[in-house]
Amino acid sequence: GLKLNASAVIFAHNHPSGSVEPSRADEMLTNQL
C-alpha cells in the first residue's frame, strides 16, 4: 500500500468450496488489516 501510494484498498478472496459465508478467521484478518 505504501509503495503504491494508495489511499484506500478493497480486499477480496475466493472460497473454492463454494461457501460465501465468512469464517471467524476471515473477520479477524479483516480487522487486523
PDB file of all heavy atoms in Angstrom:
ATOM      1  N   GLY A   1       0.816  -1.217   0.000  1.00  0.00           N
ATOM      2  CA  GLY A   1       0.000   0.000   0.000  1.00  0.00           C
ATOM      3  C   GLY A   1       0.844   1.260   0.000  1.00  0.00           C
ATOM      4  O   GLY A   1       0.544   2.228  -0.711  1.00  0.00           O
ATOM      5  N   LEU A   2       1.907   1.260   0.793  1.00  0.00           N
ATOM      6  CA  LEU A   2       2.796   2.424   0.833  1.00  0.00           C
ATOM      7  C   LEU A   2       3.558   2.591  -0.477  1.00  0.00           C
ATOM      8  O   LEU A   2       3.715   3.710  -0.973  1.00  0.00           O
ATOM      9  CB  LEU A   2       3.776   2.290   2.004  1.00  0.00           C
ATOM     10  CG  LEU A   2       3.168   2.457   3.394  1.00  0.00           C
ATOM     11  CD1 LEU A   2       4.190   2.098   4.470  1.00  0.00           C
ATOM     12  CD2 LEU A   2       2.637   3.864   3.587  1.00  0.00           C
ATOM     13  N   LYS A   3       4.022   1.471  -1.030  1.00  0.00           N
ATOM     14  CA  LYS A   3       4.774   1.524  -2.286  1.00  0.00           C
ATOM     15  C   LYS A   3       3.911   2.098  -3.420  1.00  0.00           C
ATOM     16  O   LYS A   3       4.401   2.863  -4.253  1.00  0.00           O
ATOM     17  CB  LYS A   3       5.253   0.116  -2.651  1.00  0.00           C
ATOM     18  CG  LYS A   3       6.136   0.046  -3.870  1.00  0.00           C
ATOM     19  CD  LYS A   3       6.716  -1.338  -4.008  1.00  0.00           C
ATOM     20  CE  LYS A   3       6.132  -1.994  -5.216  1.00  0.00           C
ATOM     21  NZ  LYS A   3       6.646  -3.328  -5.467  1.00  0.00           N
ATOM     22  N   LEU A   4       2.623   1.775  -3.419  1.00  0.00           N
ATOM     23  CA  LEU A   4       1.714   2.255  -4.466  1.00  0.00           C
ATOM     24  C   LEU A   4       1.124   3.623  -4.154  1.00  0.00           C
ATOM     25  O   LEU A   4       0.378   4.171  -4.954  1.00  0.00           O
ATOM     26  CB  LEU A   4       0.579   1.241  -4.675  1.00  0.00           C
ATOM     27  CG  LEU A   4       0.995  -0.116  -5.231  1.00  0.00           C
ATOM     28  CD1 LEU A   4      -0.174  -1.087  -5.205  1.00  0.00           C
ATOM     29  CD2 LEU A   4       1.560   0.036  -6.637  1.00  0.00           C
ATOM     30  N   ASN A   5       1.436   4.152  -2.967  1.00  0.00           N
ATOM     31  CA  ASN A   5       0.895   5.436  -2.521  1.00  0.00           C
ATOM     32  C   ASN A   5      -0.637   5.424  -2.540  1.00  0.00           C
ATOM     33  O   ASN A   5      -1.287   6.379  -2.964  1.00  0.00           O
ATOM     34  CB  ASN A   5       1.443   6.591  -3.363  1.00  0.00           C
ATOM     35  CG  ASN A   5       1.268   7.921  -2.676  1.00  0.00           C
ATOM     36  OD1 ASN A   5       1.264   8.002  -1.451  1.00  0.00           O
ATOM     37  ND2 ASN A   5       1.092   8.975  -3.460  1.00  0.00           N
ATOM     38  N   ALA A   6      -1.208   4.326  -2.072  1.00  0.00           N
ATOM     39  CA  ALA A   6      -2.666   4.141  -2.080  1.00  0.00           C
ATOM     40  C   ALA A   6      -3.315   4.918  -0.943  1.00  0.00           C
ATOM     41  O   ALA A   6      -2.729   5.118   0.118  1.00  0.00           O
ATOM     42  CB  ALA A   6      -2.992   2.664  -1.947  1.00  0.00           C
ATOM     43  N   SER A   7      -4.550   5.333  -1.183  1.00  0.00           N
ATOM     44  CA  SER A   7      -5.363   5.984  -0.158  1.00  0.00           C
ATOM     45  C   SER A   7      -6.399   5.033   0.425  1.00  0.00           C
ATOM     46  O   SER A   7      -6.895   5.253   1.527  1.00  0.00           O
ATOM     47  CB  SER A   7      -6.096   7.196  -0.738  1.00  0.00           C
ATOM     48  OG  SER A   7      -5.163   8.186  -1.099  1.00  0.00           O
ATOM     49  N   ALA A   8      -6.745   4.018  -0.338  1.00  0.00           N
ATOM     50  CA  ALA A   8      -7.759   3.063   0.106  1.00  0.00           C
ATOM     51  C   ALA A   8      -7.493   1.710  -0.539  1.00  0.00           C
ATOM     52  O   ALA A   8      -6.729   1.599  -1.504  1.00  0.00           O
ATOM     53  CB  ALA A   8      -9.154   3.557  -0.264  1.00  0.00           C
ATOM     54  N   VAL A   9      -8.153   0.692   0.011  1.00  0.00           N
ATOM     55  CA  VAL A   9      -7.993  -0.662  -0.511  1.00  0.00           C
ATOM     56  C   VAL A   9      -9.297  -1.430  -0.328  1.00  0.00           C
ATOM     57  O   VAL A   9     -10.053  -1.175   0.611  1.00  0.00           O
ATOM     58  CB  VAL A   9      -6.815  -1.406   0.173  1.00  0.00           C
ATOM     59  CG1 VAL A   9      -7.084  -1.621   1.656  1.00  0.00           C
ATOM     60  CG2 VAL A   9      -6.483  -2.711  -0.520  1.00  0.00           C
ATOM     61  N   ILE A  10      -9.539  -2.326  -1.249  1.00  0.00           N
ATOM     62  CA  ILE A  10     -10.634  -3.284  -1.146  1.00  0.00           C
ATOM     63  C   ILE A  10      -9.989  -4.662  -1.195  1.00  0.00           C
ATOM     64  O   ILE A  10      -9.226  -4.955  -2.116  1.00  0.00           O
ATOM     65  CB  ILE A  10     -11.643  -3.139  -2.303  1.00  0.00           C
ATOM     66  CG1 ILE A  10     -12.285  -1.756  -2.269  1.00  0.00           C
ATOM     67  CG2 ILE A  10     -12.694  -4.243  -2.247  1.00  0.00           C
ATOM     68  CD1 ILE A  10     -13.103  -1.424  -3.511  1.00  0.00           C
ATOM     69  N   PHE A  11     -10.294  -5.474  -0.196  1.00  0.00           N
ATOM     70  CA  PHE A  11      -9.750  -6.827  -0.166  1.00  0.00           C
ATOM     71  C   PHE A  11     -10.774  -7.803  -0.708  1.00  0.00           C
ATOM     72  O   PHE A  11     -11.980  -7.564  -0.655  1.00  0.00           O
ATOM     73  CB  PHE A  11      -9.384  -7.243   1.262  1.00  0.00           C
ATOM     74  CG  PHE A  11      -8.262  -6.452   1.849  1.00  0.00           C
ATOM     75  CD1 PHE A  11      -8.444  -5.723   3.008  1.00  0.00           C
ATOM     76  CD2 PHE A  11      -7.021  -6.428   1.239  1.00  0.00           C
ATOM     77  CE1 PHE A  11      -7.411  -4.990   3.562  1.00  0.00           C
ATOM     78  CE2 PHE A  11      -5.979  -5.690   1.772  1.00  0.00           C
ATOM     79  CZ  PHE A  11      -6.173  -4.974   2.934  1.00  0.00           C
ATOM     80  N   ALA A  12     -10.286  -8.920  -1.191  1.00  0.00           N
ATOM     81  CA  ALA A  12     -11.162  -9.994  -1.636  1.00  0.00           C
ATOM     82  C   ALA A  12     -10.399 -11.300  -1.584  1.00  0.00           C
ATOM     83  O   ALA A  12      -9.175 -11.323  -1.740  1.00  0.00           O
ATOM     84  CB  ALA A  12     -11.653  -9.739  -3.059  1.00  0.00           C
ATOM     85  N   HIS A  13     -11.130 -12.344  -1.335  1.00  0.00           N
ATOM     86  CA  HIS A  13     -10.570 -13.670  -1.501  1.00  0.00           C
ATOM     87  C   HIS A  13     -11.680 -14.608  -1.931  1.00  0.00           C
ATOM     88  O   HIS A  13     -12.853 -14.304  -1.779  1.00  0.00           O
ATOM     89  CB  HIS A  13      -9.838 -14.155  -0.245  1.00  0.00           C
ATOM     90  CG  HIS A  13     -10.716 -14.545   0.898  1.00  0.00           C
ATOM     91  ND1 HIS A  13     -11.311 -13.632   1.745  1.00  0.00           N
ATOM     92  CD2 HIS A  13     -11.102 -15.763   1.324  1.00  0.00           C
ATOM     93  CE1 HIS A  13     -12.011 -14.270   2.655  1.00  0.00           C
ATOM     94  NE2 HIS A  13     -11.918 -15.570   2.422  1.00  0.00           N
ATOM     95  N   ASN A  14     -11.293 -15.701  -2.518  1.00  0.00           N
ATOM     96  CA  ASN A  14     -12.274 -16.651  -3.004  1.00  0.00           C
ATOM     97  C   ASN A  14     -12.367 -17.846  -2.058  1.00  0.00           C
ATOM     98  O   ASN A  14     -11.447 -18.111  -1.278  1.00  0.00           O
ATOM     99  CB  ASN A  14     -11.927 -17.112  -4.424  1.00  0.00           C
ATOM    100  CG  ASN A  14     -10.605 -17.835  -4.481  1.00  0.00           C
ATOM    101  OD1 ASN A  14      -9.648 -17.470  -3.809  1.00  0.00           O
ATOM    102  ND2 ASN A  14     -10.540 -18.870  -5.293  1.00  0.00           N
ATOM    103  N   HIS A  15     -13.501 -18.506  -2.119  1.00  0.00           N
ATOM    104  CA  HIS A  15     -13.707 -19.764  -1.410  1.00  0.00           C
ATOM    105  C   HIS A  15     -14.001 -20.834  -2.459  1.00  0.00           C
ATOM    106  O   HIS A  15     -15.129 -20.937  -2.944  1.00  0.00           O
ATOM    107  CB  HIS A  15     -14.884 -19.658  -0.438  1.00  0.00           C
ATOM    108  CG  HIS A  15     -14.575 -18.964   0.837  1.00  0.00           C
ATOM    109  ND1 HIS A  15     -15.541 -18.716   1.789  1.00  0.00           N
ATOM    110  CD2 HIS A  15     -13.425 -18.479   1.347  1.00  0.00           C
ATOM    111  CE1 HIS A  15     -14.991 -18.101   2.826  1.00  0.00           C
ATOM    112  NE2 HIS A  15     -13.709 -17.937   2.576  1.00  0.00           N
ATOM    113  N   PRO A  16     -12.981 -21.602  -2.836  1.00  0.00           N
ATOM    114  CA  PRO A  16     -13.209 -22.656  -3.831  1.00  0.00           C
ATOM    115  C   PRO A  16     -14.275 -23.665  -3.401  1.00  0.00           C
ATOM    116  O   PRO A  16     -14.880 -24.318  -4.245  1.00  0.00           O
ATOM    117  CB  PRO A  16     -11.839 -23.330  -3.960  1.00  0.00           C
ATOM    118  CG  PRO A  16     -10.867 -22.276  -3.540  1.00  0.00           C
ATOM    119  CD  PRO A  16     -11.566 -21.502  -2.464  1.00  0.00           C
ATOM    120  N   SER A  17     -14.526 -23.761  -2.104  1.00  0.00           N
ATOM    121  CA  SER A  17     -15.540 -24.693  -1.596  1.00  0.00           C
ATOM    122  C   SER A  17     -16.944 -24.310  -2.032  1.00  0.00           C
ATOM    123  O   SER A  17     -17.855 -25.136  -2.001  1.00  0.00           O
ATOM    124  CB  SER A  17     -15.489 -24.730  -0.067  1.00  0.00           C
ATOM    125  OG  SER A  17     -15.892 -23.470   0.461  1.00  0.00           O
ATOM    126  N   GLY A  18     -17.146 -23.032  -2.403  1.00  0.00           N
ATOM    127  CA  GLY A  18     -18.457 -22.575  -2.826  1.00  0.00           C
ATOM    128  C   GLY A  18     -19.253 -21.873  -1.748  1.00  0.00           C
ATOM    129  O   GLY A  18     -20.297 -21.303  -2.018  1.00  0.00           O
ATOM    130  N   SER A  19     -18.773 -21.879  -0.514  1.00  0.00           N
ATOM    131  CA  SER A  19     -19.469 -21.202   0.581  1.00  0.00           C
ATOM    132  C   SER A  19     -19.073 -19.736   0.611  1.00  0.00           C
ATOM    133  O   SER A  19     -17.894 -19.401   0.702  1.00  0.00           O
ATOM    134  CB  SER A  19     -19.123 -21.850   1.918  1.00  0.00           C
ATOM    135  OG  SER A  19     -19.636 -21.069   2.988  1.00  0.00           O
ATOM    136  N   VAL A  20     -20.055 -18.853   0.576  1.00  0.00           N
ATOM    137  CA  VAL A  20     -19.788 -17.419   0.575  1.00  0.00           C
ATOM    138  C   VAL A  20     -19.727 -16.859   2.005  1.00  0.00           C
ATOM    139  O   VAL A  20     -19.406 -15.692   2.201  1.00  0.00           O
ATOM    140  CB  VAL A  20     -20.842 -16.693  -0.281  1.00  0.00           C
ATOM    141  CG1 VAL A  20     -22.170 -16.578   0.420  1.00  0.00           C
ATOM    142  CG2 VAL A  20     -20.347 -15.344  -0.722  1.00  0.00           C
ATOM    143  N   GLU A  21     -19.997 -17.676   3.006  1.00  0.00           N
ATOM    144  CA  GLU A  21     -20.011 -17.210   4.389  1.00  0.00           C
ATOM    145  C   GLU A  21     -18.597 -16.973   4.915  1.00  0.00           C
ATOM    146  O   GLU A  21     -17.719 -17.822   4.746  1.00  0.00           O
ATOM    147  CB  GLU A  21     -20.730 -18.207   5.294  1.00  0.00           C
ATOM    148  CG  GLU A  21     -22.210 -18.309   5.013  1.00  0.00           C
ATOM    149  CD  GLU A  21     -22.929 -16.974   5.135  1.00  0.00           C
ATOM    150  OE1 GLU A  21     -22.699 -16.260   6.136  1.00  0.00           O
ATOM    151  OE2 GLU A  21     -23.711 -16.641   4.232  1.00  0.00           O
ATOM    152  N   PRO A  22     -18.373 -15.828   5.574  1.00  0.00           N
ATOM    153  CA  PRO A  22     -17.045 -15.565   6.137  1.00  0.00           C
ATOM    154  C   PRO A  22     -16.805 -16.407   7.392  1.00  0.00           C
ATOM    155  O   PRO A  22     -17.723 -16.616   8.186  1.00  0.00           O
ATOM    156  CB  PRO A  22     -17.102 -14.078   6.489  1.00  0.00           C
ATOM    157  CG  PRO A  22     -18.547 -13.791   6.699  1.00  0.00           C
ATOM    158  CD  PRO A  22     -19.295 -14.718   5.792  1.00  0.00           C
ATOM    159  N   SER A  23     -15.594 -16.873   7.531  1.00  0.00           N
ATOM    160  CA  SER A  23     -15.219 -17.596   8.746  1.00  0.00           C
ATOM    161  C   SER A  23     -14.818 -16.585   9.812  1.00  0.00           C
ATOM    162  O   SER A  23     -14.609 -15.402   9.520  1.00  0.00           O
ATOM    163  CB  SER A  23     -14.054 -18.546   8.457  1.00  0.00           C
ATOM    164  OG  SER A  23     -12.880 -17.790   8.165  1.00  0.00           O
ATOM    165  N   ARG A  24     -14.686 -17.048  11.027  1.00  0.00           N
ATOM    166  CA  ARG A  24     -14.212 -16.176  12.105  1.00  0.00           C
ATOM    167  C   ARG A  24     -12.795 -15.688  11.769  1.00  0.00           C
ATOM    168  O   ARG A  24     -12.461 -14.542  12.028  1.00  0.00           O
ATOM    169  CB  ARG A  24     -14.248 -16.928  13.436  1.00  0.00           C
ATOM    170  CG  ARG A  24     -13.820 -16.114  14.605  1.00  0.00           C
ATOM    171  CD  ARG A  24     -14.857 -15.024  14.927  1.00  0.00           C
ATOM    172  NE  ARG A  24     -14.317 -14.172  15.966  1.00  0.00           N
ATOM    173  CZ  ARG A  24     -14.266 -12.852  15.903  1.00  0.00           C
ATOM    174  NH1 ARG A  24     -14.767 -12.223  14.869  1.00  0.00           N
ATOM    175  NH2 ARG A  24     -13.742 -12.142  16.867  1.00  0.00           N
ATOM    176  N   ALA A  25     -11.989 -16.558  11.165  1.00  0.00           N
ATOM    177  CA  ALA A  25     -10.626 -16.167  10.762  1.00  0.00           C
ATOM    178  C   ALA A  25     -10.662 -15.055   9.716  1.00  0.00           C
ATOM    179  O   ALA A  25      -9.824 -14.143   9.747  1.00  0.00           O
ATOM    180  CB  ALA A  25      -9.861 -17.375  10.238  1.00  0.00           C
ATOM    181  N   ASP A  26     -11.626 -15.096   8.794  1.00  0.00           N
ATOM    182  CA  ASP A  26     -11.772 -14.038   7.785  1.00  0.00           C
ATOM    183  C   ASP A  26     -12.073 -12.701   8.457  1.00  0.00           C
ATOM    184  O   ASP A  26     -11.510 -11.666   8.094  1.00  0.00           O
ATOM    185  CB  ASP A  26     -12.909 -14.361   6.805  1.00  0.00           C
ATOM    186  CG  ASP A  26     -12.624 -15.547   5.911  1.00  0.00           C
ATOM    187  OD1 ASP A  26     -11.443 -15.875   5.703  1.00  0.00           O
ATOM    188  OD2 ASP A  26     -13.600 -16.140   5.415  1.00  0.00           O
ATOM    189  N   GLU A  27     -12.971 -12.708   9.444  1.00  0.00           N
ATOM    190  CA  GLU A  27     -13.338 -11.488  10.151  1.00  0.00           C
ATOM    191  C   GLU A  27     -12.153 -10.946  10.958  1.00  0.00           C
ATOM    192  O   GLU A  27     -11.895  -9.737  10.957  1.00  0.00           O
ATOM    193  CB  GLU A  27     -14.526 -11.751  11.072  1.00  0.00           C
ATOM    194  CG  GLU A  27     -15.810 -12.035  10.310  1.00  0.00           C
ATOM    195  CD  GLU A  27     -16.974 -12.361  11.231  1.00  0.00           C
ATOM    196  OE1 GLU A  27     -16.955 -11.952  12.414  1.00  0.00           O
ATOM    197  OE2 GLU A  27     -17.915 -13.021  10.760  1.00  0.00           O
ATOM    198  N   MET A  28     -11.428 -11.836  11.628  1.00  0.00           N
ATOM    199  CA  MET A  28     -10.273 -11.397  12.425  1.00  0.00           C
ATOM    200  C   MET A  28      -9.178 -10.817  11.531  1.00  0.00           C
ATOM    201  O   MET A  28      -8.581  -9.795  11.866  1.00  0.00           O
ATOM    202  CB  MET A  28      -9.734 -12.559  13.263  1.00  0.00           C
ATOM    203  CG  MET A  28     -10.668 -12.929  14.401  1.00  0.00           C
ATOM    204  SD  MET A  28     -10.238 -14.430  15.332  1.00  0.00           S
ATOM    205  CE  MET A  28      -8.485 -14.399  15.403  1.00  0.00           C
ATOM    206  N   LEU A  29      -8.929 -11.456  10.396  1.00  0.00           N
ATOM    207  CA  LEU A  29      -7.916 -10.956   9.458  1.00  0.00           C
ATOM    208  C   LEU A  29      -8.294  -9.571   8.954  1.00  0.00           C
ATOM    209  O   LEU A  29      -7.453  -8.666   8.903  1.00  0.00           O
ATOM    210  CB  LEU A  29      -7.751 -11.909   8.273  1.00  0.00           C
ATOM    211  CG  LEU A  29      -6.860 -11.390   7.146  1.00  0.00           C
ATOM    212  CD1 LEU A  29      -5.425 -11.199   7.631  1.00  0.00           C
ATOM    213  CD2 LEU A  29      -6.923 -12.317   5.956  1.00  0.00           C
ATOM    214  N   THR A  30      -9.556  -9.380   8.594  1.00  0.00           N
ATOM    215  CA  THR A  30     -10.008  -8.082   8.101  1.00  0.00           C
ATOM    216  C   THR A  30      -9.779  -6.998   9.143  1.00  0.00           C
ATOM    217  O   THR A  30      -9.272  -5.909   8.826  1.00  0.00           O
ATOM    218  CB  THR A  30     -11.495  -8.144   7.706  1.00  0.00           C
ATOM    219  OG1 THR A  30     -11.650  -9.172   6.722  1.00  0.00           O
ATOM    220  CG2 THR A  30     -11.977  -6.819   7.132  1.00  0.00           C
ATOM    221  N   ASN A  31     -10.115  -7.274  10.388  1.00  0.00           N
ATOM    222  CA  ASN A  31      -9.898  -6.294  11.459  1.00  0.00           C
ATOM    223  C   ASN A  31      -8.414  -6.022  11.683  1.00  0.00           C
ATOM    224  O   ASN A  31      -8.009  -4.876  11.902  1.00  0.00           O
ATOM    225  CB  ASN A  31     -10.568  -6.760  12.755  1.00  0.00           C
ATOM    226  CG  ASN A  31     -12.073  -6.637  12.681  1.00  0.00           C
ATOM    227  OD1 ASN A  31     -12.599  -5.772  11.995  1.00  0.00           O
ATOM    228  ND2 ASN A  31     -12.767  -7.518  13.370  1.00  0.00           N
ATOM    229  N   GLN A  32      -7.600  -7.052  11.622  1.00  0.00           N
ATOM    230  CA  GLN A  32      -6.153  -6.881  11.782  1.00  0.00           C
ATOM    231  C   GLN A  32      -5.578  -6.012  10.670  1.00  0.00           C
ATOM    232  O   GLN A  32      -4.775  -5.111  10.922  1.00  0.00           O
ATOM    233  CB  GLN A  32      -5.480  -8.258  11.795  1.00  0.00           C
ATOM    234  CG  GLN A  32      -4.012  -8.225  12.102  1.00  0.00           C
ATOM    235  CD  GLN A  32      -3.399  -9.621  12.104  1.00  0.00           C
ATOM    236  OE1 GLN A  32      -3.922 -10.556  11.490  1.00  0.00           O
ATOM    237  NE2 GLN A  32      -2.295  -9.770  12.793  1.00  0.00           N
ATOM    238  N   LEU A  33      -6.012  -6.244   9.438  1.00  0.00           N
ATOM    239  CA  LEU A  33      -5.533  -5.443   8.312  1.00  0.00           C
ATOM    240  C   LEU A  33      -6.024  -4.002   8.415  1.00  0.00           C
ATOM    241  O   LEU A  33      -5.277  -3.068   8.112  1.00  0.00           O
ATOM    242  CB  LEU A  33      -5.976  -6.072   6.986  1.00  0.00           C
ATOM    243  CG  LEU A  33      -5.300  -7.389   6.621  1.00  0.00           C
ATOM    244  CD1 LEU A  33      -5.973  -8.020   5.412  1.00  0.00           C
ATOM    245  CD2 LEU A  33      -3.813  -7.207   6.385  1.00  0.00           C
TER     246      LEU A  33
END
